Amino acid sequence: MLLGNITDNLFMLMTHVIQPFHLLVIALAGWLNRHQQAVTGCFIEESRVLKDQFEGQWLGFTDKQRQ
């Protein structure tokens, strides 16, 4: 009975340890998140600059541009 408890406790411990693959996935997700935020920030800034340049003008899109 004692051996069973030790084995169960060891199994519980091993399931809660972060494996190297998990660290890789976490690092990749963090990098992708930072990259996506940087790209989004560039698009927001570009949109702000364009709105300032065309202030007061109607910005209509053609049918081809809407697709």
C-alpha atoms as a PDB file:
ATOM      1  CA  MET A   1       0.000   0.000   0.000  1.00  0.00           C
ATOM      2  CA  LEU A   2       2.862   2.355   0.780  1.00  0.00           C
ATOM      3  CA  LEU A   3       4.431   1.786  -2.635  1.00  0.00           C
ATOM      4  CA  GLY A   4       1.136   2.676  -4.319  1.00  0.00           C
ATOM      5  CA  ASN A   5       0.958   6.005  -2.470  1.00  0.00           C
ATOM      6  CA  ILE A   6       4.542   6.868  -3.405  1.00  0.00           C
ATOM      7  CA  THR A   7       3.886   6.028  -7.048  1.00  0.00           C
ATOM      8  CA  ASP A   8       0.692   8.080  -7.074  1.00  0.00           C
ATOM      9  CA  ASN A   9       2.455  11.046  -5.464  1.00  0.00           C
ATOM     10  CA  LEU A  10       5.328  10.809  -7.937  1.00  0.00           C
ATOM     11  CA  PHE A  11       2.875  10.708 -10.839  1.00  0.00           C
ATOM     12  CA  MET A  12       1.068  13.791  -9.483  1.00  0.00           C
ATOM     13  CA  LEU A  13       4.383  15.619  -9.163  1.00  0.00           C
ATOM     14  CA  MET A  14       5.473  14.773 -12.706  1.00  0.00           C
ATOM     15  CA  THR A  15       2.193  15.953 -14.217  1.00  0.00           C
ATOM     16  CA  HIS A  16       2.659  19.389 -12.627  1.00  0.00           C
ATOM     17  CA  VAL A  17       6.248  19.903 -13.767  1.00  0.00           C
ATOM     18  CA  ILE A  18       6.702  22.110 -16.832  1.00  0.00           C
ATOM     19  CA  GLN A  19       8.272  20.077 -19.588  1.00  0.00           C
ATOM     20  CA  PRO A  20      10.771  21.609 -22.084  1.00  0.00           C
ATOM     21  CA  PHE A  21       8.181  21.417 -24.854  1.00  0.00           C
ATOM     22  CA  HIS A  22       5.783  23.489 -22.737  1.00  0.00           C
ATOM     23  CA  LEU A  23       8.476  26.136 -22.270  1.00  0.00           C
ATOM     24  CA  LEU A  24       9.036  26.231 -26.019  1.00  0.00           C
ATOM     25  CA  VAL A  25       5.320  26.683 -26.686  1.00  0.00           C
ATOM     26  CA  ILE A  26       5.061  29.430 -24.044  1.00  0.00           C
ATOM     27  CA  ALA A  27       8.089  31.256 -25.479  1.00  0.00           C
ATOM     28  CA  LEU A  28       6.723  31.003 -29.023  1.00  0.00           C
ATOM     29  CA  ALA A  29       3.315  32.311 -27.925  1.00  0.00           C
ATOM     30  CA  GLY A  30       4.963  35.254 -26.163  1.00  0.00           C
ATOM     31  CA  TRP A  31       7.056  36.094 -29.220  1.00  0.00           C
ATOM     32  CA  LEU A  32       4.021  35.897 -31.511  1.00  0.00           C
ATOM     33  CA  ASN A  33       2.039  38.134 -29.172  1.00  0.00           C
ATOM     34  CA  ARG A  34       4.786  40.794 -29.116  1.00  0.00           C
ATOM     35  CA  HIS A  35       5.146  40.630 -32.898  1.00  0.00           C
ATOM     36  CA  GLN A  36       1.404  40.967 -33.419  1.00  0.00           C
ATOM     37  CA  GLN A  37       1.243  43.969 -31.066  1.00  0.00           C
ATOM     38  CA  ALA A  38       4.084  45.662 -32.952  1.00  0.00           C
ATOM     39  CA  VAL A  39       2.376  45.128 -36.319  1.00  0.00           C
ATOM     40  CA  THR A  40      -0.957  46.340 -34.962  1.00  0.00           C
ATOM     41  CA  GLY A  41       0.740  49.422 -33.517  1.00  0.00           C
ATOM     42  CA  CYS A  42       2.258  50.220 -36.928  1.00  0.00           C
ATOM     43  CA  PHE A  43      -1.138  49.941 -38.638  1.00  0.00           C
ATOM     44  CA  ILE A  44      -2.808  52.144 -36.028  1.00  0.00           C
ATOM     45  CA  GLU A  45      -0.110  54.807 -36.431  1.00  0.00           C
ATOM     46  CA  GLU A  46      -0.333  54.618 -40.226  1.00  0.00           C
ATOM     47  CA  SER A  47      -4.106  55.023 -40.040  1.00  0.00           C
ATOM     48  CA  ARG A  48      -3.740  58.050 -37.747  1.00  0.00           C
ATOM     49  CA  VAL A  49      -1.237  59.716 -40.115  1.00  0.00           C
ATOM     50  CA  LEU A  50      -3.431  59.098 -43.157  1.00  0.00           C
ATOM     51  CA  LYS A  51      -6.492  60.517 -41.390  1.00  0.00           C
ATOM     52  CA  ASP A  52      -4.493  63.644 -40.532  1.00  0.00           C
ATOM     53  CA  GLN A  53      -3.296  64.009 -44.147  1.00  0.00           C
ATOM     54  CA  PHE A  54      -6.775  63.665 -45.625  1.00  0.00           C
ATOM     55  CA  GLU A  55      -8.618  65.657 -42.977  1.00  0.00           C
ATOM     56  CA  GLY A  56     -11.828  67.125 -44.341  1.00  0.00           C
ATOM     57  CA  GLN A  57     -11.807  65.002 -47.477  1.00  0.00           C
ATOM     58  CA  TRP A  58     -14.223  62.187 -48.107  1.00  0.00           C
ATOM     59  CA  LEU A  59     -12.375  58.887 -48.367  1.00  0.00           C
ATOM     60  CA  GLY A  60     -14.474  56.722 -50.632  1.00  0.00           C
ATOM     61  CA  PHE A  61     -13.458  53.275 -51.758  1.00  0.00           C
ATOM     62  CA  THR A  62     -14.031  51.777 -55.177  1.00  0.00           C
ATOM     63  CA  ASP A  63     -15.742  48.413 -55.487  1.00  0.00           C
ATOM     64  CA  LYS A  64     -12.396  46.775 -56.224  1.00  0.00           C
ATOM     65  CA  GLN A  65     -10.830  48.252 -53.062  1.00  0.00           C
ATOM     66  CA  ARG A  66     -13.698  46.938 -50.908  1.00  0.00           C
ATOM     67  CA  GLN A  67     -13.045  43.316 -51.984  1.00  0.00           C
END
